[in-house]
Amino acid sequence: MMATCLLLSGLWALASGSVQVMHKKVQSVQAGGNITFSCQSVTNEDVIQVTWQKEMDGAEDNIATYSTMNGQKIAKGYDGHVSFAHSGLQASAISLHRVTLQDEGCYKCIFNTFPSGAVTGRMCLKVYAISDPKVEAKLIPNPDKAEVSEEVVRMSCSATGKPAPKITWHLPSILLQKPKEYHIKLSNQTITVISNFTHVHSKILKEYPIACVIQHPSLNVTLSLPMDNLIQGQDSIMAPTVAITVGVLVPLMFLLLFALLLCCCLRHLRDPERNPAWPCWVLAVCAKERACGLYMLTGKRATTAVPNA
């Protein structure tokens, strides 16, 4: 009885057209690579045209067509990115070149037959991406002020990919702490994963082998931490920042002082009776009146009285 039901269900599926096109249901490719979709019609009816489409937000976008009358046609927008790997009415194949993350999705091959109409095959593409796998160790100031004599080493491992890379560590037994992990979603559908931890530096990298393991469908790699030449952390960043700040502020302060000094001296020279024996270094008076600039431009005295020295 069970065998009879299975046979009847198979005949019904064949009659309904669900198995009239042979194809792979799911394929995957690394971003930047090439992929080929193939379909073969197993119907006995005449095929008039083969059409390839991509599903786009509930709609279908035509990619390519082939018919005996019109030959191969690549739709505008796909020229150079898509080509026919095989063109025929019973079997067809297209290739996508330099695949990007935007190519991920589902595709259809449609055999337009006579007299039954269209029979369709549907396949989906998964696009993987991986970039920037790296591991590094930095010396940073010890956050515990009670142990300032000991430097701290920060060990960090990171990678960007789709799907999110998995990061694990090969650590010695003395490192009991669990690394902290952060996930950052980027606008291009990829995810940056960062795993790091710190340890009081006592030549740990020379005494124990430490390695970061990055796992991904398109990449499996183990990166060892550098044994020497540690990158300096915050201290090396602070030094140039302070130098730049001092180099900008000091000349600016001297320029301001010079402008105020010049202002007061000019007032004294232009109106010595009003300002007898004013020393040019009395900058506070000029700043208080706030009239230097106005006096130099108009030649009029300020309304605020200035006490005689």
C-alpha atoms as a PDB file:
ATOM      1  CA  MET A   1       0.000   0.000   0.000  1.00  0.00           C
ATOM      2  CA  MET A   2       2.843   2.410   0.911  1.00  0.00           C
ATOM      3  CA  ALA A   3       4.697   1.611  -2.334  1.00  0.00           C
ATOM      4  CA  THR A   4       1.577   2.324  -4.330  1.00  0.00           C
ATOM      5  CA  CYS A   5       1.147   5.755  -2.639  1.00  0.00           C
ATOM      6  CA  LEU A   6       4.749   6.699  -3.339  1.00  0.00           C
ATOM      7  CA  LEU A   7       4.396   5.674  -6.991  1.00  0.00           C
ATOM      8  CA  LEU A   8       1.206   7.675  -7.416  1.00  0.00           C
ATOM      9  CA  SER A   9       2.741  10.751  -5.734  1.00  0.00           C
ATOM     10  CA  GLY A  10       5.777  10.521  -8.048  1.00  0.00           C
ATOM     11  CA  LEU A  11       3.570  10.306 -11.136  1.00  0.00           C
ATOM     12  CA  TRP A  12       1.547  13.321  -9.896  1.00  0.00           C
ATOM     13  CA  ALA A  13       4.708  15.375  -9.372  1.00  0.00           C
ATOM     14  CA  LEU A  14       5.901  14.543 -12.883  1.00  0.00           C
ATOM     15  CA  ALA A  15       2.523  15.463 -14.330  1.00  0.00           C
ATOM     16  CA  SER A  16       2.432  18.756 -12.444  1.00  0.00           C
ATOM     17  CA  GLY A  17       5.827  19.777 -13.856  1.00  0.00           C
ATOM     18  CA  SER A  18       7.740  19.996 -10.538  1.00  0.00           C
ATOM     19  CA  VAL A  19      10.467  17.595 -11.752  1.00  0.00           C
ATOM     20  CA  GLN A  20      10.580  18.589 -15.404  1.00  0.00           C
ATOM     21  CA  VAL A  21      13.814  20.572 -15.005  1.00  0.00           C
ATOM     22  CA  MET A  22      17.006  19.100 -13.570  1.00  0.00           C
ATOM     23  CA  HIS A  23      19.310  21.481 -11.678  1.00  0.00           C
ATOM     24  CA  LYS A  24      21.234  22.031  -8.456  1.00  0.00           C
ATOM     25  CA  LYS A  25      19.105  23.644  -5.778  1.00  0.00           C
ATOM     26  CA  VAL A  26      21.827  25.447  -3.829  1.00  0.00           C
ATOM     27  CA  GLN A  27      25.303  26.588  -4.846  1.00  0.00           C
ATOM     28  CA  SER A  28      27.938  28.690  -3.122  1.00  0.00           C
ATOM     29  CA  VAL A  29      30.872  30.797  -4.249  1.00  0.00           C
ATOM     30  CA  GLN A  30      33.551  33.053  -2.805  1.00  0.00           C
ATOM     31  CA  ALA A  31      33.075  36.765  -3.553  1.00  0.00           C
ATOM     32  CA  GLY A  32      35.178  37.655  -6.587  1.00  0.00           C
ATOM     33  CA  GLY A  33      34.907  34.167  -8.086  1.00  0.00           C
ATOM     34  CA  ASN A  34      32.803  32.744 -10.900  1.00  0.00           C
ATOM     35  CA  ILE A  35      29.746  30.475 -10.748  1.00  0.00           C
ATOM     36  CA  THR A  36      27.767  28.562 -13.386  1.00  0.00           C
ATOM     37  CA  PHE A  37      24.079  27.653 -13.224  1.00  0.00           C
ATOM     38  CA  SER A  38      22.889  24.727 -15.353  1.00  0.00           C
ATOM     39  CA  CYS A  39      19.397  23.531 -16.193  1.00  0.00           C
ATOM     40  CA  GLN A  40      18.173  20.654 -18.335  1.00  0.00           C
ATOM     41  CA  SER A  41      14.624  20.089 -19.514  1.00  0.00           C
ATOM     42  CA  VAL A  42      13.351  16.497 -19.281  1.00  0.00           C
ATOM     43  CA  THR A  43      10.070  17.132 -21.067  1.00  0.00           C
ATOM     44  CA  ASN A  44       9.282  15.662 -24.482  1.00  0.00           C
ATOM     45  CA  GLU A  45       7.657  18.848 -25.715  1.00  0.00           C
ATOM     46  CA  ASP A  46       9.210  21.361 -28.049  1.00  0.00           C
ATOM     47  CA  VAL A  47      11.057  24.210 -26.328  1.00  0.00           C
ATOM     48  CA  ILE A  48      10.648  27.593 -28.004  1.00  0.00           C
ATOM     49  CA  GLN A  49      12.809  29.760 -25.729  1.00  0.00           C
ATOM     50  CA  VAL A  50      14.894  29.525 -22.558  1.00  0.00           C
ATOM     51  CA  THR A  51      14.795  32.493 -20.160  1.00  0.00           C
ATOM     52  CA  TRP A  52      16.977  33.148 -17.123  1.00  0.00           C
ATOM     53  CA  GLN A  53      15.714  35.377 -14.308  1.00  0.00           C
ATOM     54  CA  LYS A  54      16.805  36.573 -10.872  1.00  0.00           C
ATOM     55  CA  GLU A  55      14.315  37.027  -8.054  1.00  0.00           C
ATOM     56  CA  MET A  56      14.351  40.655  -6.914  1.00  0.00           C
ATOM     57  CA  ASP A  57      12.198  41.580  -3.894  1.00  0.00           C
ATOM     58  CA  GLY A  58       9.252  39.447  -4.937  1.00  0.00           C
ATOM     59  CA  ALA A  59       9.634  40.235  -8.654  1.00  0.00           C
ATOM     60  CA  GLU A  60      11.722  38.673 -11.416  1.00  0.00           C
ATOM     61  CA  ASP A  61      14.447  40.443 -13.351  1.00  0.00           C
ATOM     62  CA  ASN A  62      15.297  39.038 -16.783  1.00  0.00           C
ATOM     63  CA  ILE A  63      18.990  38.183 -17.143  1.00  0.00           C
ATOM     64  CA  ALA A  64      19.328  36.325 -20.443  1.00  0.00           C
ATOM     65  CA  THR A  65      17.335  34.526 -23.127  1.00  0.00           C
ATOM     66  CA  TYR A  66      18.067  32.035 -25.881  1.00  0.00           C
ATOM     67  CA  SER A  67      15.984  30.977 -28.860  1.00  0.00           C
ATOM     68  CA  THR A  68      16.712  29.547 -32.280  1.00  0.00           C
ATOM     69  CA  MET A  69      15.365  32.658 -33.959  1.00  0.00           C
ATOM     70  CA  ASN A  70      17.079  35.338 -31.836  1.00  0.00           C
ATOM     71  CA  GLY A  71      20.114  33.487 -30.506  1.00  0.00           C
ATOM     72  CA  GLN A  72      21.779  34.548 -27.218  1.00  0.00           C
ATOM     73  CA  LYS A  73      20.588  37.760 -25.579  1.00  0.00           C
ATOM     74  CA  ILE A  74      22.042  39.245 -22.383  1.00  0.00           C
ATOM     75  CA  ALA A  75      19.816  41.819 -20.690  1.00  0.00           C
ATOM     76  CA  LYS A  76      21.052  45.365 -20.234  1.00  0.00           C
ATOM     77  CA  GLY A  77      22.761  45.737 -16.894  1.00  0.00           C
ATOM     78  CA  TYR A  78      24.173  42.200 -16.955  1.00  0.00           C
ATOM     79  CA  ASP A  79      26.354  42.510 -20.024  1.00  0.00           C
ATOM     80  CA  GLY A  80      29.945  41.700 -19.063  1.00  0.00           C
ATOM     81  CA  HIS A  81      28.820  40.177 -15.765  1.00  0.00           C
ATOM     82  CA  VAL A  82      26.810  37.274 -17.224  1.00  0.00           C
ATOM     83  CA  SER A  83      27.557  35.042 -20.200  1.00  0.00           C
ATOM     84  CA  PHE A  84      26.185  31.827 -21.670  1.00  0.00           C
ATOM     85  CA  ALA A  85      28.282  28.791 -20.768  1.00  0.00           C
ATOM     86  CA  HIS A  86      25.972  26.648 -22.890  1.00  0.00           C
ATOM     87  CA  SER A  87      23.037  27.637 -25.056  1.00  0.00           C
ATOM     88  CA  GLY A  88      20.468  25.149 -26.226  1.00  0.00           C
ATOM     89  CA  LEU A  89      16.758  24.536 -26.073  1.00  0.00           C
ATOM     90  CA  GLN A  90      16.932  21.329 -24.003  1.00  0.00           C
ATOM     91  CA  ALA A  91      19.885  22.375 -21.814  1.00  0.00           C
ATOM     92  CA  SER A  92      21.152  25.817 -20.849  1.00  0.00           C
ATOM     93  CA  ALA A  93      23.843  27.264 -18.597  1.00  0.00           C
ATOM     94  CA  ILE A  94      24.914  30.773 -17.652  1.00  0.00           C
ATOM     95  CA  SER A  95      28.010  31.968 -15.782  1.00  0.00           C
ATOM     96  CA  LEU A  96      28.318  34.890 -13.376  1.00  0.00           C
ATOM     97  CA  HIS A  97      31.762  36.491 -13.374  1.00  0.00           C
ATOM     98  CA  ARG A  98      33.438  38.312 -10.483  1.00  0.00           C
ATOM     99  CA  VAL A  99      30.565  37.537  -8.149  1.00  0.00           C
ATOM    100  CA  THR A 100      29.678  40.156  -5.533  1.00  0.00           C
ATOM    101  CA  LEU A 101      27.560  39.990  -2.389  1.00  0.00           C
ATOM    102  CA  GLN A 102      24.713  41.591  -4.362  1.00  0.00           C
ATOM    103  CA  ASP A 103      24.570  38.483  -6.580  1.00  0.00           C
ATOM    104  CA  GLU A 104      23.358  36.373  -3.672  1.00  0.00           C
ATOM    105  CA  GLY A 105      19.782  35.215  -4.114  1.00  0.00           C
ATOM    106  CA  CYS A 106      17.677  32.809  -6.156  1.00  0.00           C
ATOM    107  CA  TYR A 107      17.655  32.319  -9.938  1.00  0.00           C
ATOM    108  CA  LYS A 108      15.203  30.693 -12.354  1.00  0.00           C
ATOM    109  CA  CYS A 109      15.625  28.914 -15.653  1.00  0.00           C
ATOM    110  CA  ILE A 110      12.365  28.883 -17.612  1.00  0.00           C
ATOM    111  CA  PHE A 111      11.782  26.571 -20.584  1.00  0.00           C
ATOM    112  CA  ASN A 112       8.907  27.913 -22.658  1.00  0.00           C
ATOM    113  CA  THR A 113       7.406  24.805 -24.226  1.00  0.00           C
ATOM    114  CA  PHE A 114       4.642  24.145 -26.729  1.00  0.00           C
ATOM    115  CA  PRO A 115       1.851  23.456 -26.107  1.00  0.00           C
ATOM    116  CA  SER A 116       2.060  23.176 -22.273  1.00  0.00           C
ATOM    117  CA  GLY A 117       3.770  26.498 -21.561  1.00  0.00           C
ATOM    118  CA  ALA A 118       6.592  27.269 -19.118  1.00  0.00           C
ATOM    119  CA  VAL A 119       8.408  24.774 -16.924  1.00  0.00           C
ATOM    120  CA  THR A 120      10.776  26.229 -14.357  1.00  0.00           C
ATOM    121  CA  GLY A 121      13.825  25.295 -12.374  1.00  0.00           C
ATOM    122  CA  ARG A 122      14.844  27.329  -9.321  1.00  0.00           C
ATOM    123  CA  MET A 123      18.255  27.473  -7.633  1.00  0.00           C
ATOM    124  CA  CYS A 124      19.756  29.707  -4.943  1.00  0.00           C
ATOM    125  CA  LEU A 125      23.236  31.154  -4.582  1.00  0.00           C
ATOM    126  CA  LYS A 126      25.145  31.734  -1.341  1.00  0.00           C
ATOM    127  CA  VAL A 127      28.034  34.206  -1.569  1.00  0.00           C
ATOM    128  CA  TYR A 128      30.829  34.034   1.003  1.00  0.00           C
ATOM    129  CA  ALA A 129      33.302  36.803   1.735  1.00  0.00           C
ATOM    130  CA  ILE A 130      36.356  37.017   3.981  1.00  0.00           C
ATOM    131  CA  SER A 131      38.958  39.763   4.308  1.00  0.00           C
ATOM    132  CA  ASP A 132      41.451  41.402   6.642  1.00  0.00           C
ATOM    133  CA  PRO A 133      42.276  38.435   8.901  1.00  0.00           C
ATOM    134  CA  LYS A 134      44.941  39.669  11.290  1.00  0.00           C
ATOM    135  CA  VAL A 135      46.379  39.170  14.749  1.00  0.00           C
ATOM    136  CA  GLU A 136      48.509  41.594  16.755  1.00  0.00           C
ATOM    137  CA  ALA A 137      49.914  42.270  20.195  1.00  0.00           C
ATOM    138  CA  LYS A 138      50.295  45.745  21.713  1.00  0.00           C
ATOM    139  CA  LEU A 139      51.996  47.000  24.837  1.00  0.00           C
ATOM    140  CA  ILE A 140      49.696  49.339  26.756  1.00  0.00           C
ATOM    141  CA  PRO A 141      49.928  51.116  30.134  1.00  0.00           C
ATOM    142  CA  ASN A 142      48.861  49.013  33.093  1.00  0.00           C
ATOM    143  CA  PRO A 143      45.389  50.121  34.233  1.00  0.00           C
ATOM    144  CA  ASP A 144      46.263  48.964  37.774  1.00  0.00           C
ATOM    145  CA  LYS A 145      48.308  51.854  39.182  1.00  0.00           C
ATOM    146  CA  ALA A 146      49.533  49.679  42.027  1.00  0.00           C
ATOM    147  CA  GLU A 147      51.605  47.705  39.543  1.00  0.00           C
ATOM    148  CA  VAL A 148      52.925  50.400  37.258  1.00  0.00           C
ATOM    149  CA  SER A 149      56.227  48.567  36.927  1.00  0.00           C
ATOM    150  CA  GLU A 150      54.551  45.831  34.883  1.00  0.00           C
ATOM    151  CA  GLU A 151      53.458  46.497  31.304  1.00  0.00           C
ATOM    152  CA  VAL A 152      50.318  44.926  29.891  1.00  0.00           C
ATOM    153  CA  VAL A 153      50.104  43.207  26.527  1.00  0.00           C
ATOM    154  CA  ARG A 154      46.824  43.317  24.613  1.00  0.00           C
ATOM    155  CA  MET A 155      46.303  40.445  22.187  1.00  0.00           C
ATOM    156  CA  SER A 156      43.755  40.990  19.430  1.00  0.00           C
ATOM    157  CA  CYS A 157      42.483  38.917  16.510  1.00  0.00           C
ATOM    158  CA  SER A 158      39.992  40.135  13.908  1.00  0.00           C
ATOM    159  CA  ALA A 159      38.452  39.317  10.531  1.00  0.00           C
ATOM    160  CA  THR A 160      35.639  40.637   8.324  1.00  0.00           C
ATOM    161  CA  GLY A 161      33.356  38.293   6.429  1.00  0.00           C
ATOM    162  CA  LYS A 162      29.966  36.979   5.425  1.00  0.00           C
ATOM    163  CA  PRO A 163      28.835  34.989   7.279  1.00  0.00           C
ATOM    164  CA  ALA A 164      30.533  36.191  10.457  1.00  0.00           C
ATOM    165  CA  PRO A 165      33.933  34.511  10.950  1.00  0.00           C
ATOM    166  CA  LYS A 166      34.391  32.340  14.042  1.00  0.00           C
ATOM    167  CA  ILE A 167      37.431  33.194  16.166  1.00  0.00           C
ATOM    168  CA  THR A 168      39.009  30.921  18.768  1.00  0.00           C
ATOM    169  CA  TRP A 169      42.382  30.932  20.545  1.00  0.00           C
ATOM    170  CA  HIS A 170      45.114  28.432  21.299  1.00  0.00           C
ATOM    171  CA  LEU A 171      46.093  29.610  24.789  1.00  0.00           C
ATOM    172  CA  PRO A 172      48.338  28.265  27.547  1.00  0.00           C
ATOM    173  CA  SER A 173      46.665  26.988  30.703  1.00  0.00           C
ATOM    174  CA  ILE A 174      47.903  29.974  32.760  1.00  0.00           C
ATOM    175  CA  LEU A 175      45.570  32.279  30.834  1.00  0.00           C
ATOM    176  CA  LEU A 176      42.308  31.571  32.587  1.00  0.00           C
ATOM    177  CA  GLN A 177      40.438  34.635  31.356  1.00  0.00           C
ATOM    178  CA  LYS A 178      37.977  34.344  28.493  1.00  0.00           C
ATOM    179  CA  PRO A 179      38.625  36.640  25.495  1.00  0.00           C
ATOM    180  CA  LYS A 180      36.046  39.345  24.839  1.00  0.00           C
ATOM    181  CA  GLU A 181      34.374  39.312  21.448  1.00  0.00           C
ATOM    182  CA  TYR A 182      32.741  42.141  19.500  1.00  0.00           C
ATOM    183  CA  HIS A 183      30.608  42.037  16.332  1.00  0.00           C
ATOM    184  CA  ILE A 184      30.312  45.068  14.053  1.00  0.00           C
ATOM    185  CA  LYS A 185      27.787  44.950  11.197  1.00  0.00           C
ATOM    186  CA  LEU A 186      28.887  46.824   8.078  1.00  0.00           C
ATOM    187  CA  SER A 187      26.750  48.328   5.331  1.00  0.00           C
ATOM    188  CA  ASN A 188      27.915  45.789   2.704  1.00  0.00           C
ATOM    189  CA  GLN A 189      26.355  42.849   4.626  1.00  0.00           C
ATOM    190  CA  THR A 190      29.677  41.734   6.104  1.00  0.00           C
ATOM    191  CA  ILE A 191      30.448  41.486   9.820  1.00  0.00           C
ATOM    192  CA  THR A 192      33.717  42.370  11.523  1.00  0.00           C
ATOM    193  CA  VAL A 193      34.528  40.102  14.456  1.00  0.00           C
ATOM    194  CA  ILE A 194      37.135  41.232  17.010  1.00  0.00           C
ATOM    195  CA  SER A 195      38.384  39.010  19.835  1.00  0.00           C
ATOM    196  CA  ASN A 196      40.879  40.326  22.374  1.00  0.00           C
ATOM    197  CA  PHE A 197      42.184  40.063  25.928  1.00  0.00           C
ATOM    198  CA  THR A 198      44.984  41.504  28.055  1.00  0.00           C
ATOM    199  CA  HIS A 199      47.671  39.988  30.252  1.00  0.00           C
ATOM    200  CA  VAL A 200      50.421  41.387  32.450  1.00  0.00           C
ATOM    201  CA  HIS A 201      53.472  41.273  30.247  1.00  0.00           C
ATOM    202  CA  SER A 202      56.297  39.112  31.543  1.00  0.00           C
ATOM    203  CA  LYS A 203      57.697  37.795  28.280  1.00  0.00           C
ATOM    204  CA  ILE A 204      54.565  35.700  27.894  1.00  0.00           C
ATOM    205  CA  LEU A 205      54.786  35.569  24.106  1.00  0.00           C
ATOM    206  CA  LYS A 206      58.310  34.157  24.255  1.00  0.00           C
ATOM    207  CA  GLU A 207      57.446  31.610  26.936  1.00  0.00           C
ATOM    208  CA  TYR A 208      54.135  30.326  25.565  1.00  0.00           C
ATOM    209  CA  PRO A 209      52.845  29.805  22.009  1.00  0.00           C
ATOM    210  CA  ILE A 210      49.635  31.750  21.436  1.00  0.00           C
ATOM    211  CA  ALA A 211      47.682  31.565  18.192  1.00  0.00           C
ATOM    212  CA  CYS A 212      44.380  32.820  16.816  1.00  0.00           C
ATOM    213  CA  VAL A 213      42.189  30.463  14.758  1.00  0.00           C
ATOM    214  CA  ILE A 214      39.811  32.017  12.189  1.00  0.00           C
ATOM    215  CA  GLN A 215      37.162  29.694  10.751  1.00  0.00           C
ATOM    216  CA  HIS A 216      34.958  30.536   7.779  1.00  0.00           C
ATOM    217  CA  PRO A 217      33.309  28.547   4.946  1.00  0.00           C
ATOM    218  CA  SER A 218      35.850  29.962   2.489  1.00  0.00           C
ATOM    219  CA  LEU A 219      38.872  30.260   4.784  1.00  0.00           C
ATOM    220  CA  ASN A 220      40.396  28.377   7.702  1.00  0.00           C
ATOM    221  CA  VAL A 221      43.599  29.894   8.987  1.00  0.00           C
ATOM    222  CA  THR A 222      45.707  29.911  12.144  1.00  0.00           C
ATOM    223  CA  LEU A 223      47.644  33.105  12.870  1.00  0.00           C
ATOM    224  CA  SER A 224      50.420  33.085  15.462  1.00  0.00           C
ATOM    225  CA  LEU A 225      51.146  36.132  17.586  1.00  0.00           C
ATOM    226  CA  PRO A 226      54.487  37.834  16.967  1.00  0.00           C
ATOM    227  CA  MET A 227      57.214  36.641  19.322  1.00  0.00           C
ATOM    228  CA  ASP A 228      58.936  40.012  19.524  1.00  0.00           C
ATOM    229  CA  ASN A 229      58.741  43.592  18.216  1.00  0.00           C
ATOM    230  CA  LEU A 230      55.501  44.333  20.025  1.00  0.00           C
ATOM    231  CA  ILE A 231      53.552  47.319  18.741  1.00  0.00           C
ATOM    232  CA  GLN A 232      53.490  50.209  21.184  1.00  0.00           C
ATOM    233  CA  GLY A 233      49.958  51.097  22.183  1.00  0.00           C
ATOM    234  CA  GLN A 234      48.549  54.273  23.695  1.00  0.00           C
ATOM    235  CA  ASP A 235      51.896  55.796  24.752  1.00  0.00           C
ATOM    236  CA  SER A 236      53.184  55.998  21.186  1.00  0.00           C
ATOM    237  CA  ILE A 237      49.906  57.539  20.076  1.00  0.00           C
ATOM    238  CA  MET A 238      49.852  60.129  22.879  1.00  0.00           C
ATOM    239  CA  ALA A 239      53.340  61.490  22.193  1.00  0.00           C
ATOM    240  CA  PRO A 240      52.750  62.796  18.644  1.00  0.00           C
ATOM    241  CA  THR A 241      49.330  64.107  19.690  1.00  0.00           C
ATOM    242  CA  VAL A 242      50.866  66.223  22.464  1.00  0.00           C
ATOM    243  CA  ALA A 243      53.614  67.442  20.135  1.00  0.00           C
ATOM    244  CA  ILE A 244      51.084  68.558  17.534  1.00  0.00           C
ATOM    245  CA  THR A 245      48.959  70.346  20.165  1.00  0.00           C
ATOM    246  CA  VAL A 246      51.920  72.245  21.601  1.00  0.00           C
ATOM    247  CA  GLY A 247      53.203  73.107  18.130  1.00  0.00           C
ATOM    248  CA  VAL A 248      49.872  74.743  17.248  1.00  0.00           C
ATOM    249  CA  LEU A 249      48.895  76.451  20.502  1.00  0.00           C
ATOM    250  CA  VAL A 250      52.236  78.066  21.404  1.00  0.00           C
ATOM    251  CA  PRO A 251      52.614  80.067  18.142  1.00  0.00           C
ATOM    252  CA  LEU A 252      48.948  81.056  18.359  1.00  0.00           C
ATOM    253  CA  MET A 253      49.413  82.454  21.891  1.00  0.00           C
ATOM    254  CA  PHE A 254      52.480  84.456  20.834  1.00  0.00           C
ATOM    255  CA  LEU A 255      50.574  85.897  17.881  1.00  0.00           C
ATOM    256  CA  LEU A 256      47.713  86.997  20.141  1.00  0.00           C
ATOM    257  CA  LEU A 257      50.071  88.658  22.621  1.00  0.00           C
ATOM    258  CA  PHE A 258      51.878  90.468  19.812  1.00  0.00           C
ATOM    259  CA  ALA A 259      48.581  91.808  18.421  1.00  0.00           C
ATOM    260  CA  LEU A 260      47.536  93.167  21.823  1.00  0.00           C
ATOM    261  CA  LEU A 261      50.949  94.747  22.389  1.00  0.00           C
ATOM    262  CA  LEU A 262      50.885  96.424  18.974  1.00  0.00           C
ATOM    263  CA  CYS A 263      47.382  97.710  19.604  1.00  0.00           C
ATOM    264  CA  CYS A 264      48.279  99.439  22.866  1.00  0.00           C
ATOM    265  CA  CYS A 265      51.500 100.899  21.476  1.00  0.00           C
ATOM    266  CA  LEU A 266      49.665 102.452  18.540  1.00  0.00           C
ATOM    267  CA  ARG A 267      47.124 104.053  20.859  1.00  0.00           C
ATOM    268  CA  HIS A 268      49.892 105.602  22.894  1.00  0.00           C
ATOM    269  CA  LEU A 269      51.685 106.957  19.823  1.00  0.00           C
ATOM    270  CA  ARG A 270      48.563 108.461  18.261  1.00  0.00           C
ATOM    271  CA  ASP A 271      47.287 110.112  21.451  1.00  0.00           C
ATOM    272  CA  PRO A 272      50.133 110.684  23.920  1.00  0.00           C
ATOM    273  CA  GLU A 273      48.221 113.435  25.834  1.00  0.00           C
ATOM    274  CA  ARG A 274      45.303 111.146  26.481  1.00  0.00           C
ATOM    275  CA  ASN A 275      47.537 108.302  27.499  1.00  0.00           C
ATOM    276  CA  PRO A 276      50.679 109.867  29.010  1.00  0.00           C
ATOM    277  CA  ALA A 277      53.532 107.542  29.663  1.00  0.00           C
ATOM    278  CA  TRP A 278      51.512 104.410  28.997  1.00  0.00           C
ATOM    279  CA  PRO A 279      53.860 101.459  28.983  1.00  0.00           C
ATOM    280  CA  CYS A 280      53.255  99.360  25.910  1.00  0.00           C
ATOM    281  CA  TRP A 281      53.216  96.211  27.959  1.00  0.00           C
ATOM    282  CA  VAL A 282      50.049  97.158  29.858  1.00  0.00           C
ATOM    283  CA  LEU A 283      47.954  94.691  27.925  1.00  0.00           C
ATOM    284  CA  ALA A 284      45.267  94.394  30.570  1.00  0.00           C
ATOM    285  CA  VAL A 285      44.024  97.947  29.911  1.00  0.00           C
ATOM    286  CA  CYS A 286      43.651  97.287  26.185  1.00  0.00           C
ATOM    287  CA  ALA A 287      41.860  94.053  26.793  1.00  0.00           C
ATOM    288  CA  LYS A 288      39.534  95.718  29.325  1.00  0.00           C
ATOM    289  CA  GLU A 289      38.550  98.597  27.069  1.00  0.00           C
ATOM    290  CA  ARG A 290      38.179  96.355  24.010  1.00  0.00           C
ATOM    291  CA  ALA A 291      38.696  99.539  22.005  1.00  0.00           C
ATOM    292  CA  CYS A 292      42.005  98.945  20.312  1.00  0.00           C
ATOM    293  CA  GLY A 293      40.578  97.613  17.122  1.00  0.00           C
ATOM    294  CA  LEU A 294      37.861 100.277  16.973  1.00  0.00           C
ATOM    295  CA  TYR A 295      40.315 103.135  17.660  1.00  0.00           C
ATOM    296  CA  MET A 296      42.752 101.990  15.013  1.00  0.00           C
ATOM    297  CA  LEU A 297      39.948 101.824  12.428  1.00  0.00           C
ATOM    298  CA  THR A 298      38.066 105.074  13.282  1.00  0.00           C
ATOM    299  CA  GLY A 299      40.638 107.255  15.052  1.00  0.00           C
ATOM    300  CA  LYS A 300      38.068 108.028  17.764  1.00  0.00           C
ATOM    301  CA  ARG A 301      38.798 107.634  21.403  1.00  0.00           C
ATOM    302  CA  ALA A 302      37.024 105.063  23.494  1.00  0.00           C
ATOM    303  CA  THR A 303      34.307 106.320  25.776  1.00  0.00           C
ATOM    304  CA  THR A 304      35.684 104.399  28.722  1.00  0.00           C
ATOM    305  CA  ALA A 305      38.058 106.515  30.774  1.00  0.00           C
ATOM    306  CA  VAL A 306      41.505 105.166  31.347  1.00  0.00           C
ATOM    307  CA  PRO A 307      43.048 105.952  34.724  1.00  0.00           C
ATOM    308  CA  ASN A 308      46.299 107.864  34.629  1.00  0.00           C
ATOM    309  CA  ALA A 309      49.347 105.931  35.540  1.00  0.00           C
END
